[in-house]
Amino acid sequence: MNRRVLWWTAGIAGLAAVIALAVAFLGDGAGPTSTTTVASEFGTVTVDGLELPVLVDPAADPAVGVSAPVLDGQGFDGSPMTIGPNGRPQIVIFLAHWCPHCQREVPLLQQWIDDTGGNPDVDLVSVATASNQTSPNYPPSAWLEREGWTAPVMADDRLGTAATAYGLPAFPYWVGLDSEGKVLFRFTGELDEAGVEEVFAYVAENG
């Protein structure tokens, strides 16, 4: 698939999304409502490897061909989870519960998986990041459960360590990795069903 088509099809999220991202990371000042809530919605993330640069231009991305850092963290239930090379191509999607683009993309992507079984040659994993108790649609675990989300979810920490390591600029954020964990592409924005099919096929073919 043509990389220009990838970023153009995705519809790059605007400045408002970037500003909202910054607010989400820096503005979580309400404090936890309970220890249980904090433990389930925010994980502890460690990074092994060099961080990717913040994505600026998907059509000329210096991260393509570079090994993505390995992320070690937890799911919402506290179970250990690693995002890194596993011998299979992967798509990593970063989601924010308050992002309207994510709120539309998640059910569309899940419906495609339910209808087609997804692409058997590509693993889909996700990261719930920029979580903010003062923002709409909190908590992310409840949102994704309502949507019937079946992809494994890593809960990012309050600092957005996982998002920063992958150079996230806005949401939803898609990163394609080959079987060795090297970046195939990065872009932000929503995809329609045809775009989802195309992206997964591209990763399967080139991963």
N, C-alpha and C. Protein backbone atom coordinates (compact mmCIF):
# COMPACT_ATOMS: atom_id res chain seq x y z
N MET A 1 0.83 -1.18 0.00
CA MET A 1 0.00 0.00 0.00
C MET A 1 0.87 1.23 0.00
N ASN A 2 0.50 2.21 -0.76
CA ASN A 2 1.24 3.46 -0.85
C ASN A 2 1.17 4.20 0.47
N ARG A 3 2.32 4.61 1.02
CA ARG A 3 2.32 5.30 2.30
C ARG A 3 1.61 6.63 2.23
N ARG A 4 1.64 7.28 1.06
CA ARG A 4 0.90 8.53 0.93
C ARG A 4 -0.60 8.30 1.07
N VAL A 5 -1.06 7.18 0.52
CA VAL A 5 -2.47 6.83 0.66
C VAL A 5 -2.81 6.59 2.12
N LEU A 6 -1.88 5.94 2.84
CA LEU A 6 -2.11 5.66 4.24
C LEU A 6 -2.41 6.93 5.02
N TRP A 7 -1.48 7.91 4.92
CA TRP A 7 -1.69 9.09 5.77
C TRP A 7 -2.81 9.95 5.26
N TRP A 8 -3.01 9.97 3.95
CA TRP A 8 -4.09 10.79 3.41
C TRP A 8 -5.45 10.19 3.77
N THR A 9 -5.55 8.86 3.67
CA THR A 9 -6.80 8.19 3.99
C THR A 9 -7.15 8.36 5.46
N ALA A 10 -6.14 8.35 6.29
CA ALA A 10 -6.39 8.40 7.72
C ALA A 10 -7.00 9.72 8.17
N GLY A 11 -6.77 10.81 7.45
CA GLY A 11 -7.31 12.10 7.83
C GLY A 11 -6.64 12.60 9.10
N ILE A 12 -5.47 13.21 8.96
CA ILE A 12 -4.65 13.56 10.11
C ILE A 12 -5.44 14.41 11.10
N ALA A 13 -5.39 14.04 12.36
CA ALA A 13 -6.10 14.79 13.39
C ALA A 13 -5.53 16.19 13.47
N GLY A 14 -6.38 17.18 13.75
CA GLY A 14 -6.00 18.59 13.72
C GLY A 14 -5.34 19.07 14.98
N LEU A 15 -5.10 20.38 14.98
CA LEU A 15 -4.42 21.02 16.11
C LEU A 15 -5.22 20.84 17.39
N ALA A 16 -6.53 20.84 17.29
CA ALA A 16 -7.35 20.68 18.48
C ALA A 16 -7.07 19.37 19.18
N ALA A 17 -6.83 18.33 18.41
CA ALA A 17 -6.56 17.02 19.02
C ALA A 17 -5.23 17.05 19.75
N VAL A 18 -4.23 17.74 19.16
CA VAL A 18 -2.92 17.84 19.80
C VAL A 18 -3.03 18.61 21.11
N ILE A 19 -3.80 19.72 21.08
CA ILE A 19 -4.00 20.51 22.30
C ILE A 19 -4.71 19.68 23.36
N ALA A 20 -5.72 18.93 22.92
CA ALA A 20 -6.46 18.09 23.86
C ALA A 20 -5.56 17.04 24.48
N LEU A 21 -4.64 16.51 23.67
CA LEU A 21 -3.69 15.52 24.17
C LEU A 21 -2.83 16.12 25.27
N ALA A 22 -2.33 17.34 25.03
CA ALA A 22 -1.48 17.99 26.02
C ALA A 22 -2.26 18.24 27.31
N VAL A 23 -3.51 18.68 27.18
CA VAL A 23 -4.34 18.92 28.35
C VAL A 23 -4.55 17.63 29.13
N ALA A 24 -4.78 16.55 28.39
CA ALA A 24 -5.03 15.27 29.05
C ALA A 24 -3.82 14.81 29.85
N PHE A 25 -2.62 14.97 29.28
CA PHE A 25 -1.42 14.53 29.97
C PHE A 25 -1.10 15.42 31.16
N LEU A 26 -1.38 16.74 31.04
CA LEU A 26 -0.93 17.68 32.06
C LEU A 26 -2.03 18.10 33.01
N GLY A 27 -3.29 17.85 32.64
CA GLY A 27 -4.38 18.43 33.40
C GLY A 27 -5.15 17.47 34.27
N ASP A 28 -4.61 16.35 34.62
CA ASP A 28 -5.32 15.38 35.44
C ASP A 28 -5.14 15.74 36.90
N GLY A 29 -5.78 16.82 37.30
CA GLY A 29 -5.53 17.36 38.63
C GLY A 29 -6.60 17.03 39.64
N ALA A 30 -7.61 16.22 39.28
CA ALA A 30 -8.71 15.96 40.18
C ALA A 30 -8.33 15.02 41.31
N GLY A 31 -7.31 14.20 41.07
CA GLY A 31 -6.91 13.23 42.08
C GLY A 31 -7.76 11.99 41.99
N PRO A 32 -7.25 10.86 42.45
CA PRO A 32 -7.97 9.60 42.34
C PRO A 32 -9.20 9.57 43.24
N THR A 33 -10.24 8.87 42.81
CA THR A 33 -11.42 8.70 43.63
C THR A 33 -11.26 7.51 44.55
N SER A 34 -10.42 6.54 44.15
CA SER A 34 -10.14 5.39 45.00
C SER A 34 -8.88 4.72 44.52
N THR A 35 -8.26 3.94 45.41
CA THR A 35 -7.05 3.23 45.04
C THR A 35 -7.33 2.22 43.95
N THR A 36 -8.49 1.57 44.01
CA THR A 36 -8.83 0.55 43.03
C THR A 36 -8.93 1.15 41.64
N THR A 37 -9.58 2.31 41.52
CA THR A 37 -9.73 2.95 40.22
C THR A 37 -8.38 3.28 39.60
N VAL A 38 -7.50 3.87 40.38
CA VAL A 38 -6.20 4.25 39.86
C VAL A 38 -5.42 3.03 39.42
N ALA A 39 -5.44 1.98 40.24
CA ALA A 39 -4.67 0.77 39.93
C ALA A 39 -5.14 0.13 38.63
N SER A 40 -6.44 0.21 38.32
CA SER A 40 -6.96 -0.46 37.14
C SER A 40 -6.84 0.37 35.88
N GLU A 41 -6.93 1.68 35.98
CA GLU A 41 -6.94 2.52 34.79
C GLU A 41 -5.56 3.00 34.37
N PHE A 42 -4.60 2.99 35.26
CA PHE A 42 -3.23 3.41 34.97
C PHE A 42 -2.27 2.29 35.33
N GLY A 43 -1.35 2.00 34.42
CA GLY A 43 -0.37 0.96 34.67
C GLY A 43 0.99 1.54 35.01
N THR A 44 1.95 0.67 35.14
CA THR A 44 3.36 1.04 35.28
C THR A 44 4.06 0.55 34.02
N VAL A 45 4.62 1.46 33.25
CA VAL A 45 5.21 1.12 31.96
C VAL A 45 6.71 1.33 31.99
N THR A 46 7.45 0.33 31.52
CA THR A 46 8.88 0.48 31.34
C THR A 46 9.20 0.32 29.86
N VAL A 47 10.23 1.01 29.42
CA VAL A 47 10.60 1.06 28.01
C VAL A 47 12.00 0.51 27.83
N ASP A 48 12.12 -0.42 26.90
CA ASP A 48 13.43 -0.99 26.57
C ASP A 48 13.74 -0.65 25.12
N GLY A 49 14.71 0.21 24.92
CA GLY A 49 15.06 0.65 23.58
C GLY A 49 14.89 2.15 23.42
N LEU A 50 15.32 2.66 22.27
CA LEU A 50 15.25 4.10 22.03
C LEU A 50 13.84 4.53 21.67
N GLU A 51 13.43 5.67 22.23
CA GLU A 51 12.12 6.23 21.88
C GLU A 51 12.09 6.64 20.41
N LEU A 52 10.93 6.50 19.80
CA LEU A 52 10.74 6.97 18.43
C LEU A 52 10.49 8.48 18.46
N PRO A 53 10.93 9.21 17.42
CA PRO A 53 10.64 10.64 17.39
C PRO A 53 9.16 10.90 17.24
N VAL A 54 8.70 12.03 17.72
CA VAL A 54 7.31 12.41 17.54
C VAL A 54 6.98 12.46 16.05
N LEU A 55 5.88 11.84 15.67
CA LEU A 55 5.49 11.81 14.27
C LEU A 55 5.10 13.20 13.79
N VAL A 56 5.71 13.62 12.68
CA VAL A 56 5.39 14.90 12.07
C VAL A 56 4.76 14.71 10.70
N ASP A 57 5.42 13.94 9.85
CA ASP A 57 4.95 13.72 8.49
C ASP A 57 4.94 12.23 8.18
N PRO A 58 3.78 11.61 8.15
CA PRO A 58 3.73 10.16 7.88
C PRO A 58 4.32 9.77 6.54
N ALA A 59 4.33 10.70 5.58
CA ALA A 59 4.85 10.40 4.24
C ALA A 59 6.38 10.40 4.21
N ALA A 60 7.01 10.98 5.22
CA ALA A 60 8.48 11.01 5.30
C ALA A 60 8.88 10.77 6.74
N ASP A 61 8.55 9.60 7.24
CA ASP A 61 8.73 9.29 8.65
C ASP A 61 10.09 8.64 8.88
N PRO A 62 10.98 9.29 9.63
CA PRO A 62 12.31 8.71 9.88
C PRO A 62 12.27 7.45 10.73
N ALA A 63 11.13 7.16 11.36
CA ALA A 63 11.03 5.97 12.20
C ALA A 63 10.81 4.70 11.39
N VAL A 64 10.40 4.83 10.13
CA VAL A 64 10.15 3.64 9.31
C VAL A 64 11.46 2.86 9.15
N GLY A 65 11.41 1.57 9.46
CA GLY A 65 12.59 0.72 9.40
C GLY A 65 13.37 0.66 10.70
N VAL A 66 12.96 1.46 11.68
CA VAL A 66 13.63 1.49 12.97
C VAL A 66 12.91 0.55 13.94
N SER A 67 13.65 -0.10 14.80
CA SER A 67 13.04 -0.97 15.81
C SER A 67 12.28 -0.14 16.84
N ALA A 68 11.02 -0.45 17.03
CA ALA A 68 10.23 0.24 18.05
C ALA A 68 10.67 -0.24 19.43
N PRO A 69 10.63 0.62 20.43
CA PRO A 69 11.00 0.18 21.78
C PRO A 69 10.01 -0.85 22.30
N VAL A 70 10.48 -1.72 23.15
CA VAL A 70 9.63 -2.72 23.78
C VAL A 70 8.96 -2.09 25.00
N LEU A 71 7.66 -2.28 25.11
CA LEU A 71 6.90 -1.75 26.24
C LEU A 71 6.49 -2.90 27.16
N ASP A 72 6.83 -2.78 28.42
CA ASP A 72 6.37 -3.73 29.44
C ASP A 72 5.42 -3.00 30.38
N GLY A 73 4.23 -3.55 30.55
CA GLY A 73 3.25 -2.92 31.42
C GLY A 73 2.20 -3.91 31.86
N GLN A 74 0.97 -3.39 32.06
CA GLN A 74 -0.12 -4.23 32.55
C GLN A 74 -1.41 -3.90 31.81
N GLY A 75 -2.31 -4.87 31.83
CA GLY A 75 -3.66 -4.62 31.38
C GLY A 75 -4.45 -3.96 32.48
N PHE A 76 -5.74 -3.67 32.23
CA PHE A 76 -6.57 -3.04 33.25
C PHE A 76 -6.70 -3.91 34.50
N ASP A 77 -6.58 -5.22 34.34
CA ASP A 77 -6.73 -6.13 35.48
C ASP A 77 -5.41 -6.37 36.21
N GLY A 78 -4.36 -5.67 35.76
CA GLY A 78 -3.06 -5.80 36.41
C GLY A 78 -2.20 -6.91 35.88
N SER A 79 -2.70 -7.67 34.91
CA SER A 79 -1.91 -8.78 34.36
C SER A 79 -0.77 -8.24 33.50
N PRO A 80 0.42 -8.86 33.58
CA PRO A 80 1.57 -8.38 32.80
C PRO A 80 1.30 -8.43 31.30
N MET A 81 1.86 -7.46 30.59
CA MET A 81 1.67 -7.37 29.15
C MET A 81 2.90 -6.73 28.52
N THR A 82 3.34 -7.28 27.40
CA THR A 82 4.48 -6.74 26.67
C THR A 82 4.07 -6.45 25.24
N ILE A 83 4.48 -5.29 24.76
CA ILE A 83 4.32 -4.95 23.34
C ILE A 83 5.72 -4.89 22.76
N GLY A 84 6.04 -5.89 21.94
CA GLY A 84 7.37 -6.00 21.36
C GLY A 84 7.38 -7.13 20.36
N PRO A 85 8.52 -7.41 19.77
CA PRO A 85 8.61 -8.46 18.74
C PRO A 85 8.16 -9.81 19.27
N ASN A 86 7.28 -10.48 18.51
CA ASN A 86 6.84 -11.82 18.88
C ASN A 86 6.85 -12.77 17.69
N GLY A 87 7.55 -12.36 16.62
CA GLY A 87 7.64 -13.19 15.43
C GLY A 87 6.48 -13.03 14.47
N ARG A 88 5.53 -12.13 14.80
CA ARG A 88 4.39 -11.87 13.94
C ARG A 88 4.24 -10.37 13.70
N PRO A 89 3.74 -9.98 12.52
CA PRO A 89 3.45 -8.57 12.28
C PRO A 89 2.37 -8.08 13.26
N GLN A 90 2.47 -6.81 13.62
CA GLN A 90 1.51 -6.26 14.58
C GLN A 90 1.06 -4.87 14.18
N ILE A 91 -0.14 -4.53 14.61
CA ILE A 91 -0.61 -3.15 14.58
C ILE A 91 -0.87 -2.74 16.02
N VAL A 92 -0.26 -1.62 16.40
CA VAL A 92 -0.48 -1.06 17.74
C VAL A 92 -1.33 0.20 17.56
N ILE A 93 -2.47 0.26 18.24
CA ILE A 93 -3.32 1.44 18.14
C ILE A 93 -3.42 2.09 19.53
N PHE A 94 -3.13 3.38 19.58
CA PHE A 94 -3.20 4.14 20.82
C PHE A 94 -4.53 4.88 20.85
N LEU A 95 -5.24 4.74 21.97
CA LEU A 95 -6.60 5.27 22.10
C LEU A 95 -6.74 6.12 23.35
N ALA A 96 -7.57 7.15 23.26
CA ALA A 96 -7.91 7.97 24.42
C ALA A 96 -9.43 7.95 24.59
N HIS A 97 -9.89 7.72 25.81
CA HIS A 97 -11.32 7.57 26.05
C HIS A 97 -12.12 8.82 25.70
N TRP A 98 -11.50 10.02 25.81
CA TRP A 98 -12.20 11.27 25.58
C TRP A 98 -12.15 11.73 24.13
N CYS A 99 -11.42 11.01 23.28
CA CYS A 99 -11.20 11.41 21.89
C CYS A 99 -12.40 10.98 21.03
N PRO A 100 -13.12 11.93 20.40
CA PRO A 100 -14.27 11.54 19.58
C PRO A 100 -13.89 10.68 18.38
N HIS A 101 -12.69 10.88 17.85
CA HIS A 101 -12.23 10.05 16.73
C HIS A 101 -12.08 8.60 17.19
N CYS A 102 -11.52 8.42 18.39
CA CYS A 102 -11.36 7.07 18.93
C CYS A 102 -12.72 6.45 19.23
N GLN A 103 -13.65 7.25 19.73
CA GLN A 103 -14.97 6.75 20.07
C GLN A 103 -15.72 6.25 18.84
N ARG A 104 -15.38 6.80 17.67
CA ARG A 104 -15.97 6.30 16.42
C ARG A 104 -15.17 5.14 15.85
N GLU A 105 -13.84 5.19 16.01
CA GLU A 105 -13.00 4.16 15.40
C GLU A 105 -13.12 2.81 16.10
N VAL A 106 -13.19 2.81 17.42
CA VAL A 106 -13.21 1.56 18.17
C VAL A 106 -14.39 0.67 17.75
N PRO A 107 -15.64 1.16 17.74
CA PRO A 107 -16.73 0.27 17.33
C PRO A 107 -16.64 -0.16 15.87
N LEU A 108 -16.14 0.73 15.00
CA LEU A 108 -15.99 0.36 13.59
C LEU A 108 -14.96 -0.76 13.44
N LEU A 109 -13.83 -0.61 14.10
CA LEU A 109 -12.78 -1.61 14.02
C LEU A 109 -13.23 -2.93 14.64
N GLN A 110 -13.93 -2.84 15.77
CA GLN A 110 -14.40 -4.07 16.41
C GLN A 110 -15.45 -4.77 15.55
N GLN A 111 -16.31 -3.99 14.90
CA GLN A 111 -17.31 -4.59 14.01
C GLN A 111 -16.65 -5.30 12.85
N TRP A 112 -15.59 -4.70 12.30
CA TRP A 112 -14.85 -5.34 11.22
C TRP A 112 -14.24 -6.66 11.70
N ILE A 113 -13.70 -6.67 12.89
CA ILE A 113 -13.13 -7.89 13.45
C ILE A 113 -14.23 -8.94 13.65
N ASP A 114 -15.38 -8.51 14.19
CA ASP A 114 -16.47 -9.45 14.43
C ASP A 114 -17.00 -10.04 13.13
N ASP A 115 -17.08 -9.19 12.09
CA ASP A 115 -17.66 -9.63 10.82
C ASP A 115 -16.72 -10.51 10.01
N THR A 116 -15.42 -10.21 10.08
CA THR A 116 -14.45 -10.87 9.20
C THR A 116 -13.50 -11.81 9.94
N GLY A 117 -13.42 -11.68 11.25
CA GLY A 117 -12.41 -12.41 12.00
C GLY A 117 -11.07 -11.70 12.02
N GLY A 118 -11.02 -10.51 11.42
CA GLY A 118 -9.76 -9.77 11.34
C GLY A 118 -8.82 -10.40 10.33
N ASN A 119 -7.57 -10.01 10.39
CA ASN A 119 -6.56 -10.59 9.53
C ASN A 119 -5.76 -11.60 10.34
N PRO A 120 -5.83 -12.88 9.98
CA PRO A 120 -5.17 -13.91 10.81
C PRO A 120 -3.66 -13.81 10.84
N ASP A 121 -3.09 -13.01 9.93
CA ASP A 121 -1.64 -12.90 9.86
C ASP A 121 -1.10 -11.68 10.60
N VAL A 122 -1.99 -10.91 11.24
CA VAL A 122 -1.57 -9.68 11.92
C VAL A 122 -2.19 -9.64 13.32
N ASP A 123 -1.37 -9.35 14.33
CA ASP A 123 -1.86 -9.17 15.69
C ASP A 123 -2.22 -7.71 15.92
N LEU A 124 -3.35 -7.48 16.56
CA LEU A 124 -3.76 -6.13 16.95
C LEU A 124 -3.64 -6.00 18.46
N VAL A 125 -2.90 -4.98 18.90
CA VAL A 125 -2.80 -4.67 20.33
C VAL A 125 -3.09 -3.19 20.50
N SER A 126 -3.49 -2.80 21.70
CA SER A 126 -3.88 -1.41 21.91
C SER A 126 -3.30 -0.87 23.20
N VAL A 127 -3.23 0.45 23.26
CA VAL A 127 -2.76 1.14 24.46
C VAL A 127 -3.80 2.20 24.81
N ALA A 128 -4.33 2.14 26.02
CA ALA A 128 -5.23 3.19 26.52
C ALA A 128 -4.35 4.22 27.22
N THR A 129 -4.31 5.41 26.65
CA THR A 129 -3.39 6.43 27.15
C THR A 129 -4.09 7.76 27.30
N ALA A 130 -3.41 8.74 27.89
CA ALA A 130 -3.95 10.08 28.12
C ALA A 130 -5.24 10.02 28.94
N SER A 131 -5.39 9.02 29.77
CA SER A 131 -6.60 8.88 30.58
C SER A 131 -6.68 10.01 31.60
N ASN A 132 -7.90 10.53 31.76
CA ASN A 132 -8.09 11.72 32.59
C ASN A 132 -9.46 11.63 33.25
N GLN A 133 -9.45 11.58 34.56
CA GLN A 133 -10.70 11.42 35.31
C GLN A 133 -11.65 12.60 35.14
N THR A 134 -11.16 13.75 34.72
CA THR A 134 -12.01 14.93 34.54
C THR A 134 -12.54 15.05 33.12
N SER A 135 -12.14 14.14 32.23
CA SER A 135 -12.56 14.20 30.83
C SER A 135 -13.71 13.23 30.56
N PRO A 136 -14.46 13.45 29.48
CA PRO A 136 -15.63 12.61 29.19
C PRO A 136 -15.25 11.15 28.95
N ASN A 137 -16.25 10.29 29.17
CA ASN A 137 -16.17 8.87 28.83
C ASN A 137 -15.17 8.11 29.68
N TYR A 138 -14.89 8.61 30.85
CA TYR A 138 -14.00 7.93 31.79
C TYR A 138 -14.82 6.93 32.61
N PRO A 139 -14.28 5.76 32.92
CA PRO A 139 -12.92 5.29 32.70
C PRO A 139 -12.78 4.52 31.39
N PRO A 140 -11.56 4.44 30.86
CA PRO A 140 -11.36 3.75 29.58
C PRO A 140 -11.70 2.27 29.63
N SER A 141 -11.47 1.62 30.77
CA SER A 141 -11.77 0.18 30.85
C SER A 141 -13.25 -0.09 30.63
N ALA A 142 -14.11 0.76 31.21
CA ALA A 142 -15.55 0.58 31.05
C ALA A 142 -15.98 0.88 29.61
N TRP A 143 -15.39 1.91 29.02
CA TRP A 143 -15.71 2.25 27.63
C TRP A 143 -15.39 1.10 26.69
N LEU A 144 -14.19 0.57 26.80
CA LEU A 144 -13.79 -0.51 25.89
C LEU A 144 -14.58 -1.79 26.15
N GLU A 145 -14.95 -2.01 27.39
CA GLU A 145 -15.79 -3.17 27.69
C GLU A 145 -17.17 -3.01 27.05
N ARG A 146 -17.73 -1.80 27.11
CA ARG A 146 -19.04 -1.56 26.49
C ARG A 146 -18.99 -1.81 24.99
N GLU A 147 -17.87 -1.49 24.37
CA GLU A 147 -17.74 -1.65 22.93
C GLU A 147 -17.41 -3.08 22.54
N GLY A 148 -17.21 -3.95 23.53
CA GLY A 148 -16.86 -5.33 23.22
C GLY A 148 -15.47 -5.48 22.64
N TRP A 149 -14.57 -4.57 23.01
CA TRP A 149 -13.21 -4.53 22.46
C TRP A 149 -12.45 -5.80 22.80
N THR A 150 -11.97 -6.50 21.79
CA THR A 150 -11.32 -7.79 22.01
C THR A 150 -9.80 -7.75 21.94
N ALA A 151 -9.22 -6.66 21.46
CA ALA A 151 -7.76 -6.57 21.38
C ALA A 151 -7.17 -6.40 22.77
N PRO A 152 -6.01 -7.00 23.03
CA PRO A 152 -5.34 -6.77 24.32
C PRO A 152 -5.10 -5.27 24.53
N VAL A 153 -5.25 -4.81 25.78
CA VAL A 153 -5.10 -3.39 26.09
C VAL A 153 -4.05 -3.21 27.18
N MET A 154 -3.05 -2.38 26.89
CA MET A 154 -2.10 -1.96 27.91
C MET A 154 -2.56 -0.62 28.46
N ALA A 155 -2.59 -0.50 29.78
CA ALA A 155 -2.94 0.76 30.42
C ALA A 155 -1.68 1.60 30.60
N ASP A 156 -1.62 2.72 29.91
CA ASP A 156 -0.46 3.60 30.04
C ASP A 156 -0.43 4.22 31.43
N ASP A 157 0.73 4.75 31.83
CA ASP A 157 0.82 5.40 33.13
C ASP A 157 0.36 6.85 33.01
N ARG A 158 0.36 7.56 34.12
CA ARG A 158 -0.13 8.94 34.15
C ARG A 158 0.75 9.88 33.32
N LEU A 159 2.00 9.52 33.12
CA LEU A 159 2.92 10.37 32.36
C LEU A 159 2.83 10.12 30.85
N GLY A 160 2.10 9.09 30.44
CA GLY A 160 2.03 8.77 29.02
C GLY A 160 3.33 8.18 28.51
N THR A 161 3.97 7.35 29.32
CA THR A 161 5.27 6.79 28.96
C THR A 161 5.22 5.99 27.67
N ALA A 162 4.20 5.14 27.51
CA ALA A 162 4.09 4.33 26.30
C ALA A 162 3.87 5.20 25.08
N ALA A 163 2.98 6.19 25.20
CA ALA A 163 2.70 7.09 24.09
C ALA A 163 3.93 7.87 23.67
N THR A 164 4.66 8.37 24.65
CA THR A 164 5.88 9.13 24.36
C THR A 164 6.92 8.26 23.67
N ALA A 165 7.06 7.02 24.12
CA ALA A 165 8.05 6.11 23.54
C ALA A 165 7.79 5.84 22.07
N TYR A 166 6.53 5.90 21.66
CA TYR A 166 6.17 5.64 20.27
C TYR A 166 5.98 6.93 19.46
N GLY A 167 6.22 8.09 20.08
CA GLY A 167 6.18 9.36 19.35
C GLY A 167 4.79 9.80 18.98
N LEU A 168 3.82 9.56 19.84
CA LEU A 168 2.42 9.87 19.55
C LEU A 168 2.18 11.37 19.44
N PRO A 169 1.49 11.82 18.35
CA PRO A 169 1.14 13.23 18.23
C PRO A 169 -0.35 13.51 18.44
N ALA A 170 -1.23 12.54 18.17
CA ALA A 170 -2.68 12.73 18.23
C ALA A 170 -3.36 11.37 18.15
N PHE A 171 -4.69 11.38 18.18
CA PHE A 171 -5.45 10.14 18.26
C PHE A 171 -6.47 10.00 17.11
N PRO A 172 -6.88 8.75 16.83
CA PRO A 172 -6.19 7.51 17.19
C PRO A 172 -4.86 7.42 16.46
N TYR A 173 -3.92 6.73 17.05
CA TYR A 173 -2.56 6.66 16.53
C TYR A 173 -2.26 5.21 16.17
N TRP A 174 -1.95 5.00 14.90
CA TRP A 174 -1.69 3.67 14.36
C TRP A 174 -0.20 3.48 14.10
N VAL A 175 0.33 2.35 14.56
CA VAL A 175 1.73 2.00 14.28
C VAL A 175 1.77 0.57 13.77
N GLY A 176 2.32 0.38 12.57
CA GLY A 176 2.49 -0.95 12.02
C GLY A 176 3.91 -1.44 12.27
N LEU A 177 4.03 -2.68 12.73
CA LEU A 177 5.33 -3.27 13.03
C LEU A 177 5.48 -4.58 12.27
N ASP A 178 6.70 -4.84 11.78
CA ASP A 178 6.93 -6.13 11.14
C ASP A 178 7.22 -7.19 12.20
N SER A 179 7.51 -8.40 11.76
CA SER A 179 7.69 -9.51 12.70
C SER A 179 8.92 -9.34 13.59
N GLU A 180 9.81 -8.43 13.22
CA GLU A 180 11.00 -8.17 14.04
C GLU A 180 10.82 -6.93 14.91
N GLY A 181 9.65 -6.31 14.85
CA GLY A 181 9.39 -5.14 15.67
C GLY A 181 9.83 -3.83 15.04
N LYS A 182 10.12 -3.85 13.74
CA LYS A 182 10.52 -2.61 13.06
C LYS A 182 9.29 -1.89 12.50
N VAL A 183 9.36 -0.57 12.52
CA VAL A 183 8.21 0.24 12.12
C VAL A 183 7.99 0.18 10.61
N LEU A 184 6.76 -0.14 10.24
CA LEU A 184 6.35 -0.12 8.83
C LEU A 184 5.71 1.21 8.46
N PHE A 185 4.96 1.77 9.39
CA PHE A 185 4.32 3.07 9.18
C PHE A 185 3.81 3.59 10.51
N ARG A 186 3.54 4.90 10.54
CA ARG A 186 2.84 5.53 11.66
C ARG A 186 1.92 6.60 11.07
N PHE A 187 0.72 6.69 11.59
CA PHE A 187 -0.17 7.78 11.17
C PHE A 187 -1.25 7.96 12.22
N THR A 188 -1.96 9.08 12.14
CA THR A 188 -3.07 9.35 13.06
C THR A 188 -4.34 9.56 12.24
N GLY A 189 -5.47 9.31 12.90
CA GLY A 189 -6.75 9.59 12.27
C GLY A 189 -7.62 8.36 12.12
N GLU A 190 -8.85 8.62 11.70
CA GLU A 190 -9.83 7.56 11.54
C GLU A 190 -9.70 6.87 10.18
N LEU A 191 -10.02 5.59 10.17
CA LEU A 191 -10.11 4.83 8.94
C LEU A 191 -11.54 4.32 8.79
N ASP A 192 -12.00 4.23 7.55
CA ASP A 192 -13.26 3.54 7.32
C ASP A 192 -12.97 2.05 7.16
N GLU A 193 -13.99 1.27 6.90
CA GLU A 193 -13.80 -0.18 6.84
C GLU A 193 -12.81 -0.58 5.75
N ALA A 194 -12.92 0.08 4.58
CA ALA A 194 -11.98 -0.23 3.49
C ALA A 194 -10.56 0.12 3.88
N GLY A 195 -10.39 1.23 4.62
CA GLY A 195 -9.06 1.62 5.06
C GLY A 195 -8.49 0.64 6.06
N VAL A 196 -9.33 0.15 6.97
CA VAL A 196 -8.88 -0.85 7.94
C VAL A 196 -8.40 -2.11 7.21
N GLU A 197 -9.20 -2.56 6.26
CA GLU A 197 -8.84 -3.74 5.49
C GLU A 197 -7.50 -3.54 4.79
N GLU A 198 -7.30 -2.35 4.22
CA GLU A 198 -6.08 -2.06 3.49
C GLU A 198 -4.86 -2.03 4.40
N VAL A 199 -5.01 -1.42 5.57
CA VAL A 199 -3.89 -1.31 6.51
C VAL A 199 -3.46 -2.69 7.01
N PHE A 200 -4.41 -3.52 7.37
CA PHE A 200 -4.06 -4.86 7.85
C PHE A 200 -3.43 -5.69 6.74
N ALA A 201 -3.94 -5.55 5.52
CA ALA A 201 -3.36 -6.29 4.40
C ALA A 201 -1.93 -5.85 4.13
N TYR A 202 -1.68 -4.54 4.27
CA TYR A 202 -0.34 -4.01 4.06
C TYR A 202 0.65 -4.58 5.08
N VAL A 203 0.23 -4.62 6.33
CA VAL A 203 1.10 -5.15 7.37
C VAL A 203 1.35 -6.64 7.16
N ALA A 204 0.31 -7.38 6.78
CA ALA A 204 0.47 -8.80 6.53
C ALA A 204 1.45 -9.06 5.39
N GLU A 205 1.37 -8.22 4.35
CA GLU A 205 2.22 -8.41 3.17
C GLU A 205 3.66 -7.98 3.41
N ASN A 206 3.83 -6.95 4.22
CA ASN A 206 5.17 -6.38 4.39
C ASN A 206 5.81 -6.71 5.74
N GLY A 207 5.08 -7.42 6.58
CA GLY A 207 5.59 -7.70 7.92
C GLY A 207 6.35 -8.96 8.06
